[in-house]
Amino acid sequence: MKQKDLVTIIAIVFFSAVFSYIISGKIFVTPTARQQSVEVVPAIPANFPQADSKYFNSQANDPTEPFDVGTNNNTAPPFTASTQ
């Protein structure tokens, strides 16, 4: 490698680094420019109002409780067929 080739390579590296730095400053947004204001959510109070008795009453069925519809005469477990 000649002395002239080394100077050319160093000059190309330097100019490409400066060019990349300038272009990246234009393309990528700085953290200060990324700031955005958002709506503040009010805190939830500890005391809730009483639920409307039209929708929530003490005689309603609890959907989390299991219940049987009719009688089940099938005692075999599912997916255990003896023949195919």
N, C-alpha and C. Protein backbone atom coordinates (compact mmCIF):
# COMPACT_ATOMS: atom_id res chain seq x y z
N MET A 1 0.84 -1.16 0.00
CA MET A 1 0.00 0.00 0.00
C MET A 1 0.90 1.24 0.00
N LYS A 2 0.57 2.17 -0.84
CA LYS A 2 1.38 3.37 -0.96
C LYS A 2 0.92 4.42 0.04
N GLN A 3 1.77 5.42 0.25
CA GLN A 3 1.46 6.52 1.17
C GLN A 3 0.23 7.29 0.68
N LYS A 4 0.11 7.43 -0.64
CA LYS A 4 -1.01 8.18 -1.23
C LYS A 4 -2.32 7.45 -0.97
N ASP A 5 -2.32 6.12 -1.02
CA ASP A 5 -3.53 5.34 -0.76
C ASP A 5 -3.98 5.49 0.69
N LEU A 6 -3.05 5.53 1.62
CA LEU A 6 -3.38 5.66 3.03
C LEU A 6 -4.02 7.02 3.32
N VAL A 7 -3.50 8.07 2.75
CA VAL A 7 -4.07 9.41 2.93
C VAL A 7 -5.46 9.47 2.33
N THR A 8 -5.68 8.84 1.19
CA THR A 8 -7.00 8.82 0.55
C THR A 8 -8.02 8.08 1.42
N ILE A 9 -7.62 6.96 1.96
CA ILE A 9 -8.52 6.17 2.81
C ILE A 9 -8.88 6.95 4.07
N ILE A 10 -7.90 7.60 4.71
CA ILE A 10 -8.17 8.40 5.91
C ILE A 10 -9.10 9.56 5.59
N ALA A 11 -8.90 10.22 4.46
CA ALA A 11 -9.76 11.33 4.07
C ALA A 11 -11.19 10.86 3.81
N ILE A 12 -11.35 9.71 3.16
CA ILE A 12 -12.69 9.17 2.89
C ILE A 12 -13.39 8.80 4.19
N VAL A 13 -12.66 8.18 5.12
CA VAL A 13 -13.23 7.81 6.41
C VAL A 13 -13.66 9.06 7.18
N PHE A 14 -12.83 10.09 7.19
CA PHE A 14 -13.15 11.32 7.90
C PHE A 14 -14.39 12.00 7.32
N PHE A 15 -14.44 12.16 6.01
CA PHE A 15 -15.59 12.84 5.39
C PHE A 15 -16.87 12.01 5.51
N SER A 16 -16.75 10.69 5.44
CA SER A 16 -17.95 9.87 5.58
C SER A 16 -18.46 9.91 7.03
N ALA A 17 -17.57 10.01 8.01
CA ALA A 17 -17.99 10.11 9.40
C ALA A 17 -18.70 11.44 9.65
N VAL A 18 -18.16 12.53 9.13
CA VAL A 18 -18.80 13.84 9.29
C VAL A 18 -20.15 13.86 8.58
N PHE A 19 -20.21 13.33 7.39
CA PHE A 19 -21.46 13.28 6.62
C PHE A 19 -22.50 12.43 7.36
N SER A 20 -22.09 11.29 7.90
CA SER A 20 -23.03 10.43 8.63
C SER A 20 -23.54 11.10 9.89
N TYR A 21 -22.68 11.83 10.59
CA TYR A 21 -23.09 12.54 11.80
C TYR A 21 -24.13 13.61 11.48
N ILE A 22 -23.92 14.36 10.42
CA ILE A 22 -24.86 15.42 10.04
C ILE A 22 -26.19 14.84 9.59
N ILE A 23 -26.16 13.81 8.77
CA ILE A 23 -27.39 13.19 8.28
C ILE A 23 -28.16 12.51 9.42
N SER A 24 -27.47 11.85 10.33
CA SER A 24 -28.16 11.19 11.45
C SER A 24 -28.81 12.21 12.37
N GLY A 25 -28.25 13.40 12.48
CA GLY A 25 -28.88 14.46 13.27
C GLY A 25 -30.17 14.94 12.65
N LYS A 26 -30.28 14.87 11.34
CA LYS A 26 -31.50 15.28 10.65
C LYS A 26 -32.55 14.17 10.66
N ILE A 27 -32.12 12.93 10.58
CA ILE A 27 -33.06 11.81 10.48
C ILE A 27 -33.62 11.43 11.85
N PHE A 28 -32.74 11.21 12.82
CA PHE A 28 -33.17 10.75 14.13
C PHE A 28 -33.54 11.93 15.01
N VAL A 29 -34.60 11.77 15.78
CA VAL A 29 -35.09 12.85 16.62
C VAL A 29 -34.37 12.81 17.96
N THR A 30 -34.03 13.97 18.47
CA THR A 30 -33.36 14.04 19.76
C THR A 30 -34.36 13.78 20.89
N PRO A 31 -33.91 13.35 22.06
CA PRO A 31 -34.85 13.08 23.17
C PRO A 31 -35.65 14.30 23.59
N THR A 32 -35.10 15.50 23.47
CA THR A 32 -35.86 16.69 23.87
C THR A 32 -37.00 16.96 22.90
N ALA A 33 -36.86 16.58 21.64
CA ALA A 33 -37.92 16.79 20.67
C ALA A 33 -38.98 15.70 20.73
N ARG A 34 -38.70 14.61 21.46
CA ARG A 34 -39.66 13.52 21.57
C ARG A 34 -40.64 13.70 22.72
N GLN A 35 -40.51 14.75 23.49
CA GLN A 35 -41.39 14.98 24.63
C GLN A 35 -42.80 15.28 24.14
N GLN A 36 -43.78 14.68 24.82
CA GLN A 36 -45.16 14.85 24.44
C GLN A 36 -45.99 14.98 25.71
N SER A 37 -46.96 15.87 25.70
CA SER A 37 -47.81 16.03 26.88
C SER A 37 -48.96 15.05 26.82
N VAL A 38 -49.33 14.55 27.98
CA VAL A 38 -50.42 13.59 28.07
C VAL A 38 -51.45 14.07 29.08
N GLU A 39 -52.63 13.50 28.98
CA GLU A 39 -53.71 13.86 29.89
C GLU A 39 -53.47 13.21 31.24
N VAL A 40 -53.67 13.94 32.30
CA VAL A 40 -53.48 13.42 33.64
C VAL A 40 -54.78 12.76 34.10
N VAL A 41 -54.66 11.53 34.57
CA VAL A 41 -55.82 10.78 35.03
C VAL A 41 -56.04 11.08 36.50
N PRO A 42 -57.28 11.40 36.90
CA PRO A 42 -57.52 11.68 38.32
C PRO A 42 -57.43 10.39 39.14
N ALA A 43 -57.10 10.55 40.40
CA ALA A 43 -56.96 9.40 41.30
C ALA A 43 -58.34 8.81 41.60
N ILE A 44 -58.38 7.49 41.80
CA ILE A 44 -59.64 6.81 42.14
C ILE A 44 -59.86 6.97 43.63
N PRO A 45 -61.03 7.45 44.04
CA PRO A 45 -61.27 7.63 45.48
C PRO A 45 -61.47 6.28 46.17
N ALA A 46 -61.23 6.26 47.47
CA ALA A 46 -61.36 5.04 48.25
C ALA A 46 -62.82 4.70 48.53
N ASN A 47 -63.69 5.66 48.54
CA ASN A 47 -65.10 5.39 48.83
C ASN A 47 -65.91 5.42 47.54
N PHE A 48 -66.48 4.29 47.20
CA PHE A 48 -67.28 4.16 45.99
C PHE A 48 -68.75 4.39 46.33
N PRO A 49 -69.52 4.93 45.41
CA PRO A 49 -70.96 5.07 45.67
C PRO A 49 -71.63 3.69 45.64
N GLN A 50 -72.77 3.59 46.29
CA GLN A 50 -73.51 2.33 46.32
C GLN A 50 -73.97 1.98 44.91
N ALA A 51 -73.86 0.69 44.55
CA ALA A 51 -74.25 0.23 43.22
C ALA A 51 -75.76 0.35 43.04
N ASP A 52 -76.19 0.57 41.82
CA ASP A 52 -77.61 0.70 41.51
C ASP A 52 -78.30 -0.65 41.73
N SER A 53 -79.37 -0.66 42.52
CA SER A 53 -80.07 -1.92 42.82
C SER A 53 -80.83 -2.45 41.62
N LYS A 54 -80.97 -1.65 40.58
CA LYS A 54 -81.62 -2.12 39.37
C LYS A 54 -80.76 -3.19 38.68
N TYR A 55 -79.45 -3.06 38.77
CA TYR A 55 -78.53 -3.99 38.11
C TYR A 55 -77.87 -4.95 39.09
N PHE A 56 -77.65 -4.54 40.31
CA PHE A 56 -76.98 -5.38 41.30
C PHE A 56 -77.92 -5.59 42.48
N ASN A 57 -78.38 -6.83 42.66
CA ASN A 57 -79.25 -7.11 43.80
C ASN A 57 -78.78 -8.37 44.51
N SER A 58 -79.26 -8.57 45.71
CA SER A 58 -78.80 -9.69 46.53
C SER A 58 -79.43 -11.02 46.10
N GLN A 59 -80.51 -11.02 45.33
CA GLN A 59 -81.16 -12.25 44.89
C GLN A 59 -80.61 -12.76 43.55
N ALA A 60 -79.67 -12.10 42.97
CA ALA A 60 -79.14 -12.50 41.66
C ALA A 60 -78.25 -13.73 41.80
N ASN A 61 -78.17 -14.52 40.74
CA ASN A 61 -77.29 -15.68 40.72
C ASN A 61 -75.84 -15.22 40.62
N ASP A 62 -74.96 -15.93 41.32
CA ASP A 62 -73.54 -15.63 41.26
C ASP A 62 -72.95 -16.36 40.06
N PRO A 63 -72.49 -15.67 39.02
CA PRO A 63 -71.98 -16.35 37.83
C PRO A 63 -70.68 -17.11 38.06
N THR A 64 -70.03 -16.89 39.19
CA THR A 64 -68.79 -17.59 39.46
C THR A 64 -69.01 -18.94 40.13
N GLU A 65 -70.24 -19.20 40.59
CA GLU A 65 -70.54 -20.46 41.25
C GLU A 65 -70.95 -21.51 40.22
N PRO A 66 -70.39 -22.72 40.28
CA PRO A 66 -70.82 -23.78 39.35
C PRO A 66 -72.21 -24.28 39.73
N PHE A 67 -72.98 -24.65 38.73
CA PHE A 67 -74.31 -25.21 39.00
C PHE A 67 -74.61 -26.27 37.96
N ASP A 68 -75.47 -27.22 38.32
CA ASP A 68 -75.84 -28.32 37.45
C ASP A 68 -77.18 -28.02 36.80
N VAL A 69 -77.27 -28.33 35.52
CA VAL A 69 -78.52 -28.21 34.79
C VAL A 69 -79.03 -29.62 34.56
N GLY A 70 -79.98 -30.05 35.35
CA GLY A 70 -80.53 -31.40 35.21
C GLY A 70 -79.60 -32.43 35.83
N THR A 71 -79.92 -33.69 35.60
CA THR A 71 -79.12 -34.77 36.15
C THR A 71 -78.19 -35.32 35.08
N ASN A 72 -77.08 -35.88 35.51
CA ASN A 72 -76.09 -36.43 34.59
C ASN A 72 -75.99 -37.93 34.86
N ASN A 73 -76.43 -38.75 33.91
CA ASN A 73 -76.38 -40.19 34.07
C ASN A 73 -75.11 -40.80 33.46
N ASN A 74 -74.30 -40.02 32.81
CA ASN A 74 -73.09 -40.50 32.17
C ASN A 74 -71.97 -40.53 33.20
N THR A 75 -71.47 -41.71 33.52
CA THR A 75 -70.40 -41.82 34.53
C THR A 75 -69.03 -42.05 33.88
N ALA A 76 -68.99 -42.29 32.57
CA ALA A 76 -67.72 -42.52 31.88
C ALA A 76 -67.00 -41.20 31.68
N PRO A 77 -65.71 -41.17 31.91
CA PRO A 77 -64.96 -39.93 31.64
C PRO A 77 -64.86 -39.67 30.14
N PRO A 78 -64.74 -38.45 29.74
CA PRO A 78 -64.68 -38.13 28.31
C PRO A 78 -63.38 -38.58 27.69
N PHE A 79 -63.41 -38.84 26.41
CA PHE A 79 -62.25 -39.21 25.59
C PHE A 79 -61.58 -40.50 26.04
N THR A 80 -62.37 -41.46 26.52
CA THR A 80 -61.79 -42.75 26.91
C THR A 80 -62.55 -43.86 26.22
N ALA A 81 -62.71 -43.78 24.93
CA ALA A 81 -63.43 -44.82 24.19
C ALA A 81 -62.57 -46.07 24.11
N SER A 82 -63.21 -47.22 24.26
CA SER A 82 -62.46 -48.48 24.21
C SER A 82 -62.27 -48.93 22.77
N THR A 83 -63.13 -48.50 21.84
CA THR A 83 -63.00 -48.87 20.42
C THR A 83 -62.86 -47.61 19.60
N GLN A 84 -62.27 -47.80 18.43
CA GLN A 84 -62.11 -46.64 17.53
C GLN A 84 -62.97 -46.78 16.32
